[in-house]
């Protein structure tokens, strides 16, 4: 599973509505699919633990990532930096 697929899987796991991973478009707003601040922190914790990465302190707010693609790309960048 690619990092992109895994991040989308984590997002879908932490929302209150059913979101099909293969239909999760990059331009969909996180709040539109049910991501709230608590879900967002849970997603970050799971991804940090899984990939052994750390989000920058400035990037811990959901407002930093309005859409799915921004969040996914940020995680991909962190993972690639680590490798």
PDB file of N, CA and C in Angstrom:
ATOM      1  N   UNK A   1       0.845  -1.180   0.000  1.00  0.00           N
ATOM      2  CA  UNK A   1       0.000   0.000   0.000  1.00  0.00           C
ATOM      3  C   UNK A   1       0.891   1.243   0.000  1.00  0.00           C
ATOM      4  N   UNK A   2       0.552   2.180  -0.855  1.00  0.00           N
ATOM      5  CA  UNK A   2       1.343   3.408  -0.938  1.00  0.00           C
ATOM      6  C   UNK A   2       1.039   4.315   0.252  1.00  0.00           C
ATOM      7  N   UNK A   3       1.904   5.282   0.465  1.00  0.00           N
ATOM      8  CA  UNK A   3       1.692   6.244   1.545  1.00  0.00           C
ATOM      9  C   UNK A   3       0.378   6.986   1.314  1.00  0.00           C
ATOM     10  N   UNK A   4       0.113   7.367   0.080  1.00  0.00           N
ATOM     11  CA  UNK A   4      -1.129   8.086  -0.245  1.00  0.00           C
ATOM     12  C   UNK A   4      -2.339   7.248   0.141  1.00  0.00           C
ATOM     13  N   UNK A   5      -2.347   5.987  -0.263  1.00  0.00           N
ATOM     14  CA  UNK A   5      -3.470   5.100   0.067  1.00  0.00           C
ATOM     15  C   UNK A   5      -3.600   4.922   1.576  1.00  0.00           C
ATOM     16  N   UNK A   6      -2.474   4.769   2.257  1.00  0.00           N
ATOM     17  CA  UNK A   6      -2.512   4.571   3.692  1.00  0.00           C
ATOM     18  C   UNK A   6      -3.049   5.801   4.415  1.00  0.00           C
ATOM     19  N   UNK A   7      -2.619   6.980   4.014  1.00  0.00           N
ATOM     20  CA  UNK A   7      -3.103   8.212   4.647  1.00  0.00           C
ATOM     21  C   UNK A   7      -4.605   8.347   4.432  1.00  0.00           C
ATOM     22  N   UNK A   8      -5.075   8.060   3.234  1.00  0.00           N
ATOM     23  CA  UNK A   8      -6.514   8.128   2.969  1.00  0.00           C
ATOM     24  C   UNK A   8      -7.272   7.093   3.796  1.00  0.00           C
ATOM     25  N   UNK A   9      -6.679   5.933   4.005  1.00  0.00           N
ATOM     26  CA  UNK A   9      -7.294   4.913   4.843  1.00  0.00           C
ATOM     27  C   UNK A   9      -7.404   5.416   6.281  1.00  0.00           C
ATOM     28  N   UNK A  10      -6.364   6.052   6.775  1.00  0.00           N
ATOM     29  CA  UNK A  10      -6.376   6.607   8.132  1.00  0.00           C
ATOM     30  C   UNK A  10      -7.448   7.692   8.239  1.00  0.00           C
ATOM     31  N   UNK A  11      -7.536   8.550   7.239  1.00  0.00           N
ATOM     32  CA  UNK A  11      -8.571   9.593   7.255  1.00  0.00           C
ATOM     33  C   UNK A  11      -9.949   8.948   7.345  1.00  0.00           C
ATOM     34  N   UNK A  12     -10.212   7.968   6.501  1.00  0.00           N
ATOM     35  CA  UNK A  12     -11.541   7.336   6.468  1.00  0.00           C
ATOM     36  C   UNK A  12     -11.864   6.633   7.775  1.00  0.00           C
ATOM     37  N   UNK A  13     -10.854   6.171   8.477  1.00  0.00           N
ATOM     38  CA  UNK A  13     -11.052   5.481   9.749  1.00  0.00           C
ATOM     39  C   UNK A  13     -11.438   6.437  10.873  1.00  0.00           C
ATOM     40  N   UNK A  14     -11.030   7.691  10.754  1.00  0.00           N
ATOM     41  CA  UNK A  14     -11.231   8.645  11.841  1.00  0.00           C
ATOM     42  C   UNK A  14     -12.331   9.667  11.576  1.00  0.00           C
ATOM     43  N   UNK A  15     -13.234   9.371  10.661  1.00  0.00           N
ATOM     44  CA  UNK A  15     -14.358  10.270  10.415  1.00  0.00           C
ATOM     45  C   UNK A  15     -15.655   9.583  10.817  1.00  0.00           C
ATOM     46  N   UNK A  16     -16.669  10.393  11.027  1.00  0.00           N
ATOM     47  CA  UNK A  16     -17.944   9.868  11.514  1.00  0.00           C
ATOM     48  C   UNK A  16     -18.871   9.399  10.403  1.00  0.00           C
ATOM     49  N   UNK A  17     -18.501   9.672   9.151  1.00  0.00           N
ATOM     50  CA  UNK A  17     -19.316   9.235   8.029  1.00  0.00           C
ATOM     51  C   UNK A  17     -18.512   8.250   7.182  1.00  0.00           C
ATOM     52  N   UNK A  18     -19.208   7.462   6.401  1.00  0.00           N
ATOM     53  CA  UNK A  18     -18.533   6.490   5.542  1.00  0.00           C
ATOM     54  C   UNK A  18     -17.953   7.219   4.330  1.00  0.00           C
ATOM     55  N   UNK A  19     -16.647   7.061   4.145  1.00  0.00           N
ATOM     56  CA  UNK A  19     -15.966   7.674   3.010  1.00  0.00           C
ATOM     57  C   UNK A  19     -15.209   6.576   2.283  1.00  0.00           C
ATOM     58  N   UNK A  20     -15.551   6.378   1.003  1.00  0.00           N
ATOM     59  CA  UNK A  20     -14.846   5.375   0.205  1.00  0.00           C
ATOM     60  C   UNK A  20     -13.487   5.937  -0.194  1.00  0.00           C
ATOM     61  N   UNK A  21     -12.441   5.209   0.129  1.00  0.00           N
ATOM     62  CA  UNK A  21     -11.072   5.666  -0.095  1.00  0.00           C
ATOM     63  C   UNK A  21     -10.814   5.958  -1.562  1.00  0.00           C
ATOM     64  N   UNK A  22     -11.278   5.092  -2.449  1.00  0.00           N
ATOM     65  CA  UNK A  22     -11.000   5.296  -3.876  1.00  0.00           C
ATOM     66  C   UNK A  22     -11.766   6.469  -4.473  1.00  0.00           C
ATOM     67  N   UNK A  23     -12.756   6.985  -3.748  1.00  0.00           N
ATOM     68  CA  UNK A  23     -13.509   8.149  -4.225  1.00  0.00           C
ATOM     69  C   UNK A  23     -13.142   9.418  -3.457  1.00  0.00           C
ATOM     70  N   UNK A  24     -12.148   9.340  -2.587  1.00  0.00           N
ATOM     71  CA  UNK A  24     -11.722  10.490  -1.799  1.00  0.00           C
ATOM     72  C   UNK A  24     -10.821  11.371  -2.665  1.00  0.00           C
ATOM     73  N   UNK A  25     -11.394  12.408  -3.222  1.00  0.00           N
ATOM     74  CA  UNK A  25     -10.673  13.307  -4.123  1.00  0.00           C
ATOM     75  C   UNK A  25      -9.773  14.256  -3.338  1.00  0.00           C
ATOM     76  N   UNK A  26      -8.686  14.671  -3.966  1.00  0.00           N
ATOM     77  CA  UNK A  26      -7.734  15.567  -3.313  1.00  0.00           C
ATOM     78  C   UNK A  26      -8.324  16.925  -2.975  1.00  0.00           C
ATOM     79  N   UNK A  27      -9.343  17.357  -3.721  1.00  0.00           N
ATOM     80  CA  UNK A  27      -9.906  18.689  -3.490  1.00  0.00           C
ATOM     81  C   UNK A  27     -11.089  18.697  -2.521  1.00  0.00           C
ATOM     82  N   UNK A  28     -11.393  17.553  -1.904  1.00  0.00           N
ATOM     83  CA  UNK A  28     -12.481  17.486  -0.924  1.00  0.00           C
ATOM     84  C   UNK A  28     -12.002  18.096   0.389  1.00  0.00           C
ATOM     85  N   UNK A  29     -12.817  18.985   0.927  1.00  0.00           N
ATOM     86  CA  UNK A  29     -12.469  19.620   2.205  1.00  0.00           C
ATOM     87  C   UNK A  29     -12.554  18.586   3.331  1.00  0.00           C
ATOM     88  N   UNK A  30     -11.601  18.640   4.235  1.00  0.00           N
ATOM     89  CA  UNK A  30     -11.581  17.695   5.355  1.00  0.00           C
ATOM     90  C   UNK A  30     -12.852  17.803   6.191  1.00  0.00           C
ATOM     91  N   UNK A  31     -13.327  19.021   6.432  1.00  0.00           N
ATOM     92  CA  UNK A  31     -14.534  19.165   7.244  1.00  0.00           C
ATOM     93  C   UNK A  31     -15.780  18.634   6.537  1.00  0.00           C
ATOM     94  N   UNK A  32     -15.767  18.581   5.207  1.00  0.00           N
ATOM     95  CA  UNK A  32     -16.902  18.050   4.457  1.00  0.00           C
ATOM     96  C   UNK A  32     -17.055  16.544   4.630  1.00  0.00           C
ATOM     97  N   UNK A  33     -15.959  15.865   4.917  1.00  0.00           N
ATOM     98  CA  UNK A  33     -16.038  14.413   5.099  1.00  0.00           C
ATOM     99  C   UNK A  33     -16.043  14.030   6.574  1.00  0.00           C
ATOM    100  N   UNK A  34     -16.216  15.009   7.446  1.00  0.00           N
ATOM    101  CA  UNK A  34     -16.409  14.717   8.862  1.00  0.00           C
ATOM    102  C   UNK A  34     -15.176  14.778   9.735  1.00  0.00           C
ATOM    103  N   UNK A  35     -14.088  15.353   9.227  1.00  0.00           N
ATOM    104  CA  UNK A  35     -12.896  15.487  10.067  1.00  0.00           C
ATOM    105  C   UNK A  35     -13.076  16.710  10.960  1.00  0.00           C
ATOM    106  N   UNK A  36     -13.057  16.475  12.271  1.00  0.00           N
ATOM    107  CA  UNK A  36     -13.083  17.586  13.220  1.00  0.00           C
ATOM    108  C   UNK A  36     -11.730  17.642  13.912  1.00  0.00           C
ATOM    109  N   UNK A  37     -11.556  18.576  14.824  1.00  0.00           N
ATOM    110  CA  UNK A  37     -10.243  18.766  15.441  1.00  0.00           C
ATOM    111  C   UNK A  37      -9.779  17.543  16.229  1.00  0.00           C
ATOM    112  N   UNK A  38     -10.693  16.850  16.870  1.00  0.00           N
ATOM    113  CA  UNK A  38     -10.311  15.655  17.637  1.00  0.00           C
ATOM    114  C   UNK A  38      -9.910  14.526  16.689  1.00  0.00           C
ATOM    115  N   UNK A  39     -10.712  14.304  15.645  1.00  0.00           N
ATOM    116  CA  UNK A  39     -10.362  13.282  14.652  1.00  0.00           C
ATOM    117  C   UNK A  39      -9.020  13.599  14.013  1.00  0.00           C
ATOM    118  N   UNK A  40      -8.794  14.887  13.766  1.00  0.00           N
ATOM    119  CA  UNK A  40      -7.563  15.321  13.115  1.00  0.00           C
ATOM    120  C   UNK A  40      -6.345  14.963  13.961  1.00  0.00           C
ATOM    121  N   UNK A  41      -6.409  15.239  15.248  1.00  0.00           N
ATOM    122  CA  UNK A  41      -5.286  14.913  16.144  1.00  0.00           C
ATOM    123  C   UNK A  41      -5.082  13.405  16.198  1.00  0.00           C
ATOM    124  N   UNK A  42      -6.150  12.648  16.213  1.00  0.00           N
ATOM    125  CA  UNK A  42      -6.027  11.182  16.219  1.00  0.00           C
ATOM    126  C   UNK A  42      -5.343  10.684  14.947  1.00  0.00           C
ATOM    127  N   UNK A  43      -5.690  11.293  13.820  1.00  0.00           N
ATOM    128  CA  UNK A  43      -5.050  10.917  12.551  1.00  0.00           C
ATOM    129  C   UNK A  43      -3.564  11.213  12.613  1.00  0.00           C
ATOM    130  N   UNK A  44      -3.204  12.384  13.115  1.00  0.00           N
ATOM    131  CA  UNK A  44      -1.795  12.759  13.208  1.00  0.00           C
ATOM    132  C   UNK A  44      -1.030  11.784  14.089  1.00  0.00           C
ATOM    133  N   UNK A  45      -1.580  11.460  15.243  1.00  0.00           N
ATOM    134  CA  UNK A  45      -0.908  10.548  16.173  1.00  0.00           C
ATOM    135  C   UNK A  45      -0.687   9.190  15.515  1.00  0.00           C
ATOM    136  N   UNK A  46      -1.712   8.677  14.847  1.00  0.00           N
ATOM    137  CA  UNK A  46      -1.575   7.369  14.196  1.00  0.00           C
ATOM    138  C   UNK A  46      -0.506   7.400  13.108  1.00  0.00           C
ATOM    139  N   UNK A  47      -0.497   8.456  12.300  1.00  0.00           N
ATOM    140  CA  UNK A  47       0.476   8.551  11.214  1.00  0.00           C
ATOM    141  C   UNK A  47       1.890   8.779  11.738  1.00  0.00           C
ATOM    142  N   UNK A  48       2.028   9.595  12.769  1.00  0.00           N
ATOM    143  CA  UNK A  48       3.354   9.803  13.357  1.00  0.00           C
ATOM    144  C   UNK A  48       3.907   8.503  13.919  1.00  0.00           C
ATOM    145  N   UNK A  49       3.064   7.747  14.605  1.00  0.00           N
ATOM    146  CA  UNK A  49       3.507   6.468  15.164  1.00  0.00           C
ATOM    147  C   UNK A  49       3.860   5.469  14.075  1.00  0.00           C
ATOM    148  N   UNK A  50       3.031   5.377  13.060  1.00  0.00           N
ATOM    149  CA  UNK A  50       3.230   4.390  12.005  1.00  0.00           C
ATOM    150  C   UNK A  50       4.500   4.664  11.204  1.00  0.00           C
ATOM    151  N   UNK A  51       4.695   5.922  10.826  1.00  0.00           N
ATOM    152  CA  UNK A  51       5.828   6.278   9.965  1.00  0.00           C
ATOM    153  C   UNK A  51       7.039   6.798  10.724  1.00  0.00           C
ATOM    154  N   UNK A  52       6.925   6.918  12.049  1.00  0.00           N
ATOM    155  CA  UNK A  52       7.997   7.468  12.868  1.00  0.00           C
ATOM    156  C   UNK A  52       8.410   8.852  12.354  1.00  0.00           C
ATOM    157  N   UNK A  53       7.388   9.702  12.195  1.00  0.00           N
ATOM    158  CA  UNK A  53       7.591  11.076  11.733  1.00  0.00           C
ATOM    159  C   UNK A  53       7.028  12.026  12.778  1.00  0.00           C
ATOM    160  N   UNK A  54       7.341  13.304  12.643  1.00  0.00           N
ATOM    161  CA  UNK A  54       6.781  14.331  13.525  1.00  0.00           C
ATOM    162  C   UNK A  54       6.262  15.487  12.690  1.00  0.00           C
ATOM    163  N   UNK A  55       5.019  15.848  12.919  1.00  0.00           N
ATOM    164  CA  UNK A  55       4.463  17.034  12.282  1.00  0.00           C
ATOM    165  C   UNK A  55       5.096  18.256  12.926  1.00  0.00           C
ATOM    166  N   UNK A  56       5.360  19.298  12.132  1.00  0.00           N
ATOM    167  CA  UNK A  56       5.817  20.568  12.688  1.00  0.00           C
ATOM    168  C   UNK A  56       4.732  21.112  13.604  1.00  0.00           C
ATOM    169  N   UNK A  57       5.140  21.790  14.659  1.00  0.00           N
ATOM    170  CA  UNK A  57       4.183  22.374  15.599  1.00  0.00           C
ATOM    171  C   UNK A  57       3.207  23.313  14.879  1.00  0.00           C
ATOM    172  N   UNK A  58       3.684  24.013  13.871  1.00  0.00           N
ATOM    173  CA  UNK A  58       2.837  24.943  13.121  1.00  0.00           C
ATOM    174  C   UNK A  58       1.794  24.233  12.267  1.00  0.00           C
ATOM    175  N   UNK A  59       1.937  22.930  12.104  1.00  0.00           N
ATOM    176  CA  UNK A  59       1.057  22.185  11.214  1.00  0.00           C
ATOM    177  C   UNK A  59       0.081  21.274  11.978  1.00  0.00           C
ATOM    178  N   UNK A  60      -0.102  21.528  13.253  1.00  0.00           N
ATOM    179  CA  UNK A  60      -0.965  20.668  14.062  1.00  0.00           C
ATOM    180  C   UNK A  60      -2.421  21.114  14.075  1.00  0.00           C
ATOM    181  N   UNK A  61      -2.745  22.173  13.367  1.00  0.00           N
ATOM    182  CA  UNK A  61      -4.126  22.635  13.301  1.00  0.00           C
ATOM    183  C   UNK A  61      -4.790  22.195  12.014  1.00  0.00           C
ATOM    184  N   UNK A  62      -6.043  21.801  12.138  1.00  0.00           N
ATOM    185  CA  UNK A  62      -6.777  21.348  10.959  1.00  0.00           C
ATOM    186  C   UNK A  62      -6.881  22.461   9.924  1.00  0.00           C
ATOM    187  N   UNK A  63      -6.815  23.706  10.364  1.00  0.00           N
ATOM    188  CA  UNK A  63      -6.923  24.839   9.437  1.00  0.00           C
ATOM    189  C   UNK A  63      -5.734  24.924   8.484  1.00  0.00           C
ATOM    190  N   UNK A  64      -4.642  24.252   8.804  1.00  0.00           N
ATOM    191  CA  UNK A  64      -3.476  24.234   7.915  1.00  0.00           C
ATOM    192  C   UNK A  64      -3.708  23.365   6.688  1.00  0.00           C
ATOM    193  N   UNK A  65      -4.687  22.491   6.757  1.00  0.00           N
ATOM    194  CA  UNK A  65      -4.971  21.542   5.672  1.00  0.00           C
ATOM    195  C   UNK A  65      -6.451  21.601   5.338  1.00  0.00           C
ATOM    196  N   UNK A  66      -6.821  22.446   4.420  1.00  0.00           N
ATOM    197  CA  UNK A  66      -8.241  22.577   4.097  1.00  0.00           C
ATOM    198  C   UNK A  66      -8.777  21.383   3.324  1.00  0.00           C
ATOM    199  N   UNK A  67      -7.935  20.801   2.481  1.00  0.00           N
ATOM    200  CA  UNK A  67      -8.411  19.703   1.637  1.00  0.00           C
ATOM    201  C   UNK A  67      -7.554  18.451   1.831  1.00  0.00           C
ATOM    202  N   UNK A  68      -8.119  17.332   1.447  1.00  0.00           N
ATOM    203  CA  UNK A  68      -7.467  16.029   1.594  1.00  0.00           C
ATOM    204  C   UNK A  68      -6.077  16.036   0.956  1.00  0.00           C
ATOM    205  N   UNK A  69      -5.964  16.559  -0.249  1.00  0.00           N
ATOM    206  CA  UNK A  69      -4.693  16.536  -0.972  1.00  0.00           C
ATOM    207  C   UNK A  69      -3.571  17.243  -0.236  1.00  0.00           C
ATOM    208  N   UNK A  70      -3.873  18.363   0.405  1.00  0.00           N
ATOM    209  CA  UNK A  70      -2.849  19.088   1.163  1.00  0.00           C
ATOM    210  C   UNK A  70      -2.323  18.236   2.316  1.00  0.00           C
ATOM    211  N   UNK A  71      -3.223  17.570   3.009  1.00  0.00           N
ATOM    212  CA  UNK A  71      -2.842  16.729   4.142  1.00  0.00           C
ATOM    213  C   UNK A  71      -2.016  15.538   3.662  1.00  0.00           C
ATOM    214  N   UNK A  72      -2.504  14.868   2.634  1.00  0.00           N
ATOM    215  CA  UNK A  72      -1.804  13.697   2.094  1.00  0.00           C
ATOM    216  C   UNK A  72      -0.406  14.088   1.619  1.00  0.00           C
ATOM    217  N   UNK A  73      -0.305  15.185   0.876  1.00  0.00           N
ATOM    218  CA  UNK A  73       0.994  15.622   0.363  1.00  0.00           C
ATOM    219  C   UNK A  73       1.968  15.964   1.485  1.00  0.00           C
ATOM    220  N   UNK A  74       1.479  16.567   2.553  1.00  0.00           N
ATOM    221  CA  UNK A  74       2.351  16.902   3.674  1.00  0.00           C
ATOM    222  C   UNK A  74       2.919  15.630   4.313  1.00  0.00           C
ATOM    223  N   UNK A  75       2.074  14.635   4.518  1.00  0.00           N
ATOM    224  CA  UNK A  75       2.538  13.379   5.115  1.00  0.00           C
ATOM    225  C   UNK A  75       3.542  12.702   4.191  1.00  0.00           C
ATOM    226  N   UNK A  76       3.263  12.677   2.896  1.00  0.00           N
ATOM    227  CA  UNK A  76       4.174  12.069   1.923  1.00  0.00           C
ATOM    228  C   UNK A  76       5.546  12.764   2.001  1.00  0.00           C
ATOM    229  N   UNK A  77       5.550  14.089   2.086  1.00  0.00           N
ATOM    230  CA  UNK A  77       6.810  14.832   2.177  1.00  0.00           C
ATOM    231  C   UNK A  77       7.586  14.458   3.441  1.00  0.00           C
ATOM    232  N   UNK A  78       6.879  14.337   4.554  1.00  0.00           N
ATOM    233  CA  UNK A  78       7.550  13.961   5.802  1.00  0.00           C
ATOM    234  C   UNK A  78       8.160  12.570   5.705  1.00  0.00           C
ATOM    235  N   UNK A  79       7.421  11.643   5.112  1.00  0.00           N
ATOM    236  CA  UNK A  79       7.910  10.267   4.969  1.00  0.00           C
ATOM    237  C   UNK A  79       9.122  10.234   4.039  1.00  0.00           C
ATOM    238  N   UNK A  80       9.061  10.974   2.939  1.00  0.00           N
ATOM    239  CA  UNK A  80      10.181  10.983   1.988  1.00  0.00           C
ATOM    240  C   UNK A  80      11.420  11.623   2.605  1.00  0.00           C
ATOM    241  N   UNK A  81      11.244  12.648   3.424  1.00  0.00           N
ATOM    242  CA  UNK A  81      12.384  13.291   4.094  1.00  0.00           C
ATOM    243  C   UNK A  81      13.092  12.315   5.027  1.00  0.00           C
ATOM    244  N   UNK A  82      12.310  11.467   5.654  1.00  0.00           N
ATOM    245  CA  UNK A  82      12.837  10.516   6.633  1.00  0.00           C
ATOM    246  C   UNK A  82      13.670   9.420   5.949  1.00  0.00           C
ATOM    247  N   UNK A  83      13.294   9.063   4.735  1.00  0.00           N
ATOM    248  CA  UNK A  83      13.944   7.936   4.049  1.00  0.00           C
ATOM    249  C   UNK A  83      15.340   8.245   3.612  1.00  0.00           C
TER     250      UNK A  83
END
